[in-house]
Amino acid sequence: MSHHPTPPGTGRKLTLVVLGLAALITGMLCAFALPSLHSGPHHVPVGVTGPAQAVEAFQKKVDGPTWDIRRYETSDAVASAVKSGDVSGGLAVTPHGVDVYTATAGGPSATSALTALGNGVAAQKNTRATVHELVPFTQDDPRGAGLTAALMPMIFGGIFPALILGSVFPGHSGLRIRLTGALLFSVVAGAAVTAVLQFGTHSIEGNYGLTALGVILGMAAMSTVLLGLQARLGIAGFALGGALMMLLGNPLSGLATGPHWLPNGWAAAGQLLPPGASGSLLRANAFFGGTGGGFPAMVLGAWVVVGIGLALLADRRGRRSSGAHSTVVAASGAVEDEDRELASPA
């Protein structure tokens, strides 16, 4: 019976792998559970207008960790701010009652909470609240199911190219081909996903070209980062990138509820990751004419630069290794030739 000796360092390596996987699972639980446990309105921007005394009293009572009250001169100004995405909703106190201005497409959870707030204000004044939906989801998808579902194809649109292209074009020689393929895939898949959402399921509106560019940028950000990490760190880099996008970026994206429904720190972190920025850019382009899309577009552009930068660094290192290997091979060949000449009879 033969016994194979255990390579040195096996126990240490196994311990590190087990601890790393346990940390990953724990982090996954925290990323999914903690934001949900502490979900709710957090500094939701709300425009308010009405008699100065009433608005001031309302602001002192409500303004705080839940609502960010912003005063406007007229109800038209409040409505304009809601339509442009400057605020998540608005309240206008008038002699005839309370007008509630909502933008469900900007965040359905915040809309429900704002409506309840408006009803409470109306009840205190013994009047009624009238809800005006200014930025709704589409008639064919009134709950925004298509918008929420769009995030997973965008995430997998970053994971699949790194996984499949890495198998078809492996090694340093295929790195530039993989990078080119990921960018081309982002263009084709981004345009296709947007077309399905806008013309197939009718889940989004707005300018198709602008929305498609945003989806393409989101997919490019995720795919280039995963490719760069994979090229630089190998399978560990791919696993790190996949966990970052799927296990952390997905639950912190706030696409289903709106970013103001997550705790402040979690919401900010989520908007700095590609899934969160992609979702915010899609929402801004599809329902708000691109207003508010500047910051998420810059975030995604930065991730694209990081991904391409990692790939280029890996390419440079690979070229140096190939050059050094060629030099060693050439030197070995020269030594062998010299040995044969010395060994041959004069």
Protein backbone atom coordinates (compact mmCIF):
# COMPACT_ATOMS: atom_id res chain seq x y z
CA MET A 1 0.00 0.00 0.00
CA SER A 2 1.58 3.25 -1.17
CA HIS A 3 1.42 6.45 0.84
CA HIS A 4 1.76 9.81 -0.87
CA PRO A 5 3.54 12.34 1.32
CA THR A 6 1.59 15.50 2.10
CA PRO A 7 3.24 18.52 0.46
CA PRO A 8 4.71 21.02 2.91
CA GLY A 9 2.36 23.85 3.85
CA THR A 10 -0.81 21.89 3.03
CA GLY A 11 -2.31 22.36 6.50
CA ARG A 12 -1.70 26.10 6.42
CA LYS A 13 -3.16 26.42 2.95
CA LEU A 14 -6.22 24.39 3.90
CA THR A 15 -6.77 26.52 7.01
CA LEU A 16 -6.58 29.74 4.99
CA VAL A 17 -9.06 28.41 2.42
CA VAL A 18 -11.54 27.29 5.10
CA LEU A 19 -11.29 30.60 6.98
CA GLY A 20 -11.61 32.56 3.73
CA LEU A 21 -14.75 30.67 2.71
CA ALA A 22 -16.24 31.11 6.17
CA ALA A 23 -15.54 34.86 6.00
CA LEU A 24 -17.17 34.98 2.56
CA ILE A 25 -20.34 33.27 3.79
CA THR A 26 -20.47 35.52 6.86
CA GLY A 27 -20.01 38.60 4.69
CA MET A 28 -22.74 37.35 2.38
CA LEU A 29 -25.13 37.02 5.33
CA CYS A 30 -24.29 40.53 6.54
CA ALA A 31 -24.71 42.02 3.06
CA PHE A 32 -28.13 40.46 2.61
CA ALA A 33 -29.52 40.51 6.13
CA LEU A 34 -28.30 43.70 7.81
CA PRO A 35 -29.61 46.19 5.22
CA SER A 36 -32.98 44.42 5.25
CA LEU A 37 -33.18 44.47 9.04
CA HIS A 38 -32.50 48.21 9.09
CA SER A 39 -34.38 49.10 5.92
CA GLY A 40 -36.77 52.03 5.86
CA PRO A 41 -36.74 55.69 4.88
CA HIS A 42 -33.35 57.26 5.55
CA HIS A 43 -32.97 60.97 4.79
CA VAL A 44 -35.50 60.76 1.96
CA PRO A 45 -35.53 64.19 0.24
CA VAL A 46 -39.04 65.65 0.26
CA GLY A 47 -40.13 69.00 -1.13
CA VAL A 48 -42.68 70.92 0.96
CA THR A 49 -44.61 74.11 0.30
CA GLY A 50 -47.47 75.95 1.98
CA PRO A 51 -48.07 78.66 4.60
CA ALA A 52 -44.76 79.61 6.20
CA GLN A 53 -45.88 78.88 9.75
CA ALA A 54 -47.31 75.46 8.87
CA VAL A 55 -44.27 74.46 6.82
CA GLU A 56 -41.87 75.57 9.55
CA ALA A 57 -43.74 73.60 12.19
CA PHE A 58 -43.86 70.55 9.93
CA GLN A 59 -40.14 70.82 9.19
CA LYS A 60 -39.22 70.99 12.87
CA LYS A 61 -41.37 67.97 13.62
CA VAL A 62 -40.41 65.70 10.71
CA ASP A 63 -36.94 66.73 9.51
CA GLY A 64 -34.35 64.30 10.83
CA PRO A 65 -32.92 60.85 10.11
CA THR A 66 -36.03 59.75 8.23
CA TRP A 67 -36.94 62.74 6.06
CA ASP A 68 -34.84 65.50 4.51
CA ILE A 69 -37.33 68.35 4.21
CA ARG A 70 -36.65 70.98 1.53
CA ARG A 71 -38.82 74.08 1.29
CA TYR A 72 -40.16 75.44 -2.01
CA GLU A 73 -42.15 78.56 -2.80
CA THR A 74 -44.96 77.01 -4.84
CA SER A 75 -46.57 73.65 -5.53
CA ASP A 76 -45.41 73.91 -9.15
CA ALA A 77 -41.82 74.17 -7.93
CA VAL A 78 -42.31 71.06 -5.80
CA ALA A 79 -43.82 69.15 -8.72
CA SER A 80 -40.94 70.21 -10.97
CA ALA A 81 -38.39 69.01 -8.40
CA VAL A 82 -40.13 65.64 -8.19
CA LYS A 83 -40.22 65.22 -11.97
CA SER A 84 -36.52 66.02 -12.29
CA GLY A 85 -35.56 63.64 -9.49
CA ASP A 86 -34.22 66.36 -7.19
CA VAL A 87 -36.55 65.09 -4.44
CA SER A 88 -38.25 61.74 -3.99
CA GLY A 89 -41.66 63.33 -3.50
CA GLY A 90 -43.43 66.38 -2.19
CA LEU A 91 -46.21 67.79 -0.03
CA ALA A 92 -48.18 70.96 -0.67
CA VAL A 93 -50.39 72.26 2.11
CA THR A 94 -53.24 74.30 0.59
CA PRO A 95 -56.52 75.78 1.88
CA HIS A 96 -58.30 72.89 0.16
CA GLY A 97 -56.23 70.07 1.65
CA VAL A 98 -52.86 68.37 1.21
CA ASP A 99 -51.44 67.49 -2.19
CA VAL A 100 -48.96 64.61 -2.23
CA TYR A 101 -46.61 64.44 -5.22
CA THR A 102 -45.01 61.06 -5.80
CA ALA A 103 -42.50 59.46 -8.17
CA THR A 104 -43.01 55.72 -7.82
CA ALA A 105 -40.45 54.97 -10.54
CA GLY A 106 -37.84 56.68 -8.40
CA GLY A 107 -38.52 54.49 -5.38
CA PRO A 108 -41.79 52.67 -4.66
CA SER A 109 -41.03 52.17 -0.97
CA ALA A 110 -40.41 55.86 -0.40
CA THR A 111 -43.63 56.64 -2.26
CA SER A 112 -45.66 54.46 0.11
CA ALA A 113 -44.06 56.06 3.16
CA LEU A 114 -44.59 59.56 1.77
CA THR A 115 -48.24 58.84 1.03
CA ALA A 116 -48.73 57.71 4.63
CA LEU A 117 -46.99 60.88 5.81
CA GLY A 118 -49.29 63.03 3.67
CA ASN A 119 -52.37 61.25 5.01
CA GLY A 120 -51.15 61.93 8.55
CA VAL A 121 -50.68 65.63 7.84
CA ALA A 122 -54.15 65.80 6.28
CA ALA A 123 -55.73 64.03 9.26
CA GLN A 124 -54.21 66.58 11.65
CA LYS A 125 -55.84 69.36 9.64
CA ASN A 126 -59.16 67.51 9.35
CA THR A 127 -58.89 67.45 5.58
CA ARG A 128 -57.99 64.98 2.82
CA ALA A 129 -54.78 64.14 1.03
CA THR A 130 -54.79 63.97 -2.77
CA VAL A 131 -52.01 61.91 -4.37
CA HIS A 132 -50.57 63.05 -7.70
CA GLU A 133 -48.36 60.41 -9.35
CA LEU A 134 -45.85 62.37 -11.44
CA VAL A 135 -43.30 59.71 -12.44
CA PRO A 136 -45.05 56.33 -12.50
CA PHE A 137 -43.85 53.04 -13.85
CA THR A 138 -45.22 52.13 -17.25
CA GLN A 139 -48.82 50.99 -17.75
CA ASP A 140 -47.64 47.55 -18.90
CA ASP A 141 -45.41 47.14 -15.84
CA PRO A 142 -46.99 49.22 -13.06
CA ARG A 143 -44.93 47.58 -10.30
CA GLY A 144 -41.58 47.97 -12.00
CA ALA A 145 -40.86 44.23 -12.11
CA GLY A 146 -38.86 44.54 -15.33
CA LEU A 147 -36.67 47.30 -13.93
CA THR A 148 -35.86 45.24 -10.82
CA ALA A 149 -35.20 42.10 -12.87
CA ALA A 150 -32.80 43.95 -15.17
CA LEU A 151 -30.05 44.01 -12.56
CA MET A 152 -29.33 40.28 -12.69
CA PRO A 153 -28.72 40.18 -16.48
CA MET A 154 -26.38 43.14 -16.08
CA ILE A 155 -24.45 41.39 -13.30
CA PHE A 156 -24.24 38.12 -15.21
CA GLY A 157 -23.34 40.17 -18.26
CA GLY A 158 -20.14 40.98 -16.38
CA ILE A 159 -19.51 37.49 -14.97
CA PHE A 160 -20.14 35.39 -18.09
CA PRO A 161 -17.63 37.12 -20.40
CA ALA A 162 -14.81 36.73 -17.87
CA LEU A 163 -15.73 33.08 -17.31
CA ILE A 164 -16.35 31.97 -20.88
CA LEU A 165 -13.81 34.10 -22.71
CA GLY A 166 -11.19 32.99 -20.17
CA SER A 167 -11.86 29.37 -21.16
CA VAL A 168 -11.91 29.97 -24.91
CA PHE A 169 -8.91 32.36 -25.02
CA PRO A 170 -6.78 31.35 -22.02
CA GLY A 171 -3.38 32.58 -20.92
CA HIS A 172 -1.49 35.77 -21.56
CA SER A 173 -1.75 35.42 -25.33
CA GLY A 174 -5.54 35.63 -25.14
CA LEU A 175 -5.77 38.53 -22.67
CA ARG A 176 -6.28 41.30 -25.20
CA ILE A 177 -8.76 39.15 -27.11
CA ARG A 178 -10.71 38.56 -23.89
CA LEU A 179 -10.77 42.28 -23.13
CA THR A 180 -11.93 43.15 -26.65
CA GLY A 181 -14.56 40.41 -26.52
CA ALA A 182 -15.90 41.69 -23.17
CA LEU A 183 -16.31 45.22 -24.52
CA LEU A 184 -18.01 43.99 -27.70
CA PHE A 185 -20.28 41.74 -25.64
CA SER A 186 -21.24 44.71 -23.44
CA VAL A 187 -22.31 46.68 -26.51
CA VAL A 188 -24.38 43.86 -28.04
CA ALA A 189 -25.88 42.57 -24.79
CA GLY A 190 -26.56 46.05 -23.39
CA ALA A 191 -28.43 47.09 -26.52
CA ALA A 192 -30.39 43.82 -26.50
CA VAL A 193 -31.36 44.03 -22.81
CA THR A 194 -32.53 47.61 -23.24
CA ALA A 195 -34.55 46.68 -26.32
CA VAL A 196 -36.32 43.88 -24.43
CA LEU A 197 -37.11 46.17 -21.49
CA GLN A 198 -38.38 49.01 -23.65
CA PHE A 199 -39.96 47.31 -26.65
CA GLY A 200 -40.59 43.78 -25.40
CA THR A 201 -41.91 44.06 -21.85
CA HIS A 202 -42.54 47.84 -22.01
CA SER A 203 -41.04 48.15 -18.52
CA ILE A 204 -39.12 51.36 -19.19
CA GLU A 205 -39.55 54.53 -21.18
CA GLY A 206 -37.29 57.36 -22.27
CA ASN A 207 -34.73 57.66 -25.04
CA TYR A 208 -33.65 54.20 -26.13
CA GLY A 209 -30.16 55.25 -27.22
CA LEU A 210 -29.39 57.03 -23.95
CA THR A 211 -30.73 54.16 -21.84
CA ALA A 212 -28.82 51.58 -23.90
CA LEU A 213 -25.58 53.51 -23.47
CA GLY A 214 -26.09 53.41 -19.71
CA VAL A 215 -26.69 49.65 -19.68
CA ILE A 216 -23.67 49.11 -21.94
CA LEU A 217 -21.50 51.17 -19.58
CA GLY A 218 -22.74 49.15 -16.60
CA MET A 219 -21.96 45.82 -18.24
CA ALA A 220 -18.57 47.08 -19.40
CA ALA A 221 -17.72 48.18 -15.87
CA MET A 222 -18.49 44.77 -14.40
CA SER A 223 -16.92 42.68 -17.16
CA THR A 224 -13.67 44.66 -17.41
CA VAL A 225 -13.17 44.63 -13.62
CA LEU A 226 -13.71 40.87 -13.47
CA LEU A 227 -11.37 40.31 -16.41
CA GLY A 228 -8.73 42.57 -14.89
CA LEU A 229 -8.91 40.86 -11.51
CA GLN A 230 -8.81 37.46 -13.17
CA ALA A 231 -5.80 38.39 -15.28
CA ARG A 232 -3.97 39.88 -12.32
CA LEU A 233 -4.84 37.44 -9.53
CA GLY A 234 -6.10 34.34 -11.34
CA ILE A 235 -9.08 32.38 -10.03
CA ALA A 236 -8.84 34.22 -6.70
CA GLY A 237 -9.34 37.52 -8.53
CA PHE A 238 -12.36 36.17 -10.40
CA ALA A 239 -13.89 34.90 -7.14
CA LEU A 240 -13.24 38.24 -5.44
CA GLY A 241 -14.85 40.17 -8.29
CA GLY A 242 -17.83 37.83 -8.49
CA ALA A 243 -18.45 38.12 -4.75
CA LEU A 244 -18.14 41.90 -4.96
CA MET A 245 -20.74 42.13 -7.73
CA MET A 246 -23.17 39.40 -6.73
CA LEU A 247 -22.99 39.06 -2.97
CA LEU A 248 -22.36 42.70 -2.05
CA GLY A 249 -23.35 44.85 -5.01
CA ASN A 250 -26.69 43.16 -5.67
CA PRO A 251 -28.35 43.57 -2.24
CA LEU A 252 -26.89 47.05 -1.79
CA SER A 253 -27.96 48.33 -5.21
CA GLY A 254 -31.31 49.64 -3.94
CA LEU A 255 -32.83 49.11 -7.38
CA ALA A 256 -36.04 47.54 -6.09
CA THR A 257 -36.72 50.06 -3.33
CA GLY A 258 -34.63 53.11 -4.17
CA PRO A 259 -31.31 53.92 -2.47
CA HIS A 260 -32.94 56.00 0.29
CA TRP A 261 -34.53 52.87 1.72
CA LEU A 262 -31.17 51.42 2.79
CA PRO A 263 -29.20 52.56 5.85
CA ASN A 264 -26.99 55.53 5.02
CA GLY A 265 -23.62 53.77 5.02
CA TRP A 266 -24.90 50.74 3.12
CA ALA A 267 -26.67 52.93 0.57
CA ALA A 268 -23.54 55.01 -0.09
CA ALA A 269 -21.40 51.89 -0.48
CA GLY A 270 -23.94 50.33 -2.82
CA GLN A 271 -23.96 53.36 -5.11
CA LEU A 272 -20.17 53.18 -5.42
CA LEU A 273 -20.30 49.58 -6.67
CA PRO A 274 -21.11 48.78 -10.33
CA PRO A 275 -24.52 47.11 -9.68
CA GLY A 276 -25.81 50.05 -7.65
CA ALA A 277 -24.45 52.64 -10.08
CA SER A 278 -25.85 50.67 -13.04
CA GLY A 279 -29.30 50.52 -11.47
CA SER A 280 -29.33 54.23 -10.64
CA LEU A 281 -28.18 55.14 -14.15
CA LEU A 282 -30.85 52.92 -15.69
CA ARG A 283 -33.55 54.50 -13.52
CA ALA A 284 -32.36 58.03 -14.31
CA ASN A 285 -32.23 57.45 -18.07
CA ALA A 286 -35.46 55.46 -18.30
CA PHE A 287 -37.73 57.69 -16.19
CA PHE A 288 -36.04 61.04 -15.52
CA GLY A 289 -34.56 61.92 -18.91
CA GLY A 290 -31.01 61.34 -17.68
CA THR A 291 -31.28 63.79 -14.77
CA GLY A 292 -29.26 62.45 -11.86
CA GLY A 293 -27.30 60.06 -14.05
CA GLY A 294 -24.04 62.00 -14.00
CA PHE A 295 -22.64 60.58 -10.77
CA PRO A 296 -23.43 56.89 -11.46
CA ALA A 297 -22.01 57.29 -14.97
CA MET A 298 -18.76 58.64 -13.50
CA VAL A 299 -18.64 55.75 -11.02
CA LEU A 300 -19.05 53.20 -13.81
CA GLY A 301 -16.48 54.98 -15.96
CA ALA A 302 -14.00 54.80 -13.07
CA TRP A 303 -14.60 51.05 -12.73
CA VAL A 304 -13.99 50.59 -16.47
CA VAL A 305 -10.67 52.42 -16.13
CA VAL A 306 -9.74 50.25 -13.14
CA GLY A 307 -10.62 47.06 -14.99
CA ILE A 308 -8.71 47.98 -18.14
CA GLY A 309 -5.80 49.18 -16.00
CA LEU A 310 -5.59 45.84 -14.19
CA ALA A 311 -5.70 44.00 -17.51
CA LEU A 312 -2.94 46.16 -18.98
CA LEU A 313 -0.77 45.64 -15.90
CA ALA A 314 -1.27 41.89 -16.23
CA ASP A 315 -0.45 42.13 -19.94
CA ARG A 316 2.74 44.03 -19.20
CA ARG A 317 3.80 41.50 -16.59
CA GLY A 318 3.03 38.66 -18.99
CA ARG A 319 5.14 40.24 -21.73
CA ARG A 320 8.06 40.64 -19.34
CA SER A 321 7.76 37.01 -18.26
CA SER A 322 7.59 35.88 -21.88
CA GLY A 323 10.62 38.00 -22.76
CA ALA A 324 12.61 36.68 -19.81
CA HIS A 325 11.65 33.11 -20.71
CA SER A 326 12.75 33.64 -24.31
CA THR A 327 16.09 35.05 -23.12
CA VAL A 328 16.66 32.05 -20.85
CA VAL A 329 15.77 29.62 -23.63
CA ALA A 330 18.09 31.40 -26.06
CA ALA A 331 20.91 31.41 -23.52
CA SER A 332 20.40 27.72 -22.79
CA GLY A 333 20.52 26.95 -26.48
CA ALA A 334 23.75 28.88 -26.92
CA VAL A 335 25.38 27.03 -24.00
CA GLU A 336 24.34 23.68 -25.45
CA ASP A 337 25.78 24.61 -28.85
CA GLU A 338 29.03 25.67 -27.22
CA ASP A 339 29.22 22.40 -25.26
CA ARG A 340 28.69 20.39 -28.41
CA GLU A 341 31.47 22.30 -30.17
CA LEU A 342 33.87 21.68 -27.28
CA ALA A 343 32.94 18.01 -27.14
CA SER A 344 33.40 17.44 -30.87
CA PRO A 345 36.88 16.12 -31.99
CA ALA A 346 39.17 18.68 -33.52
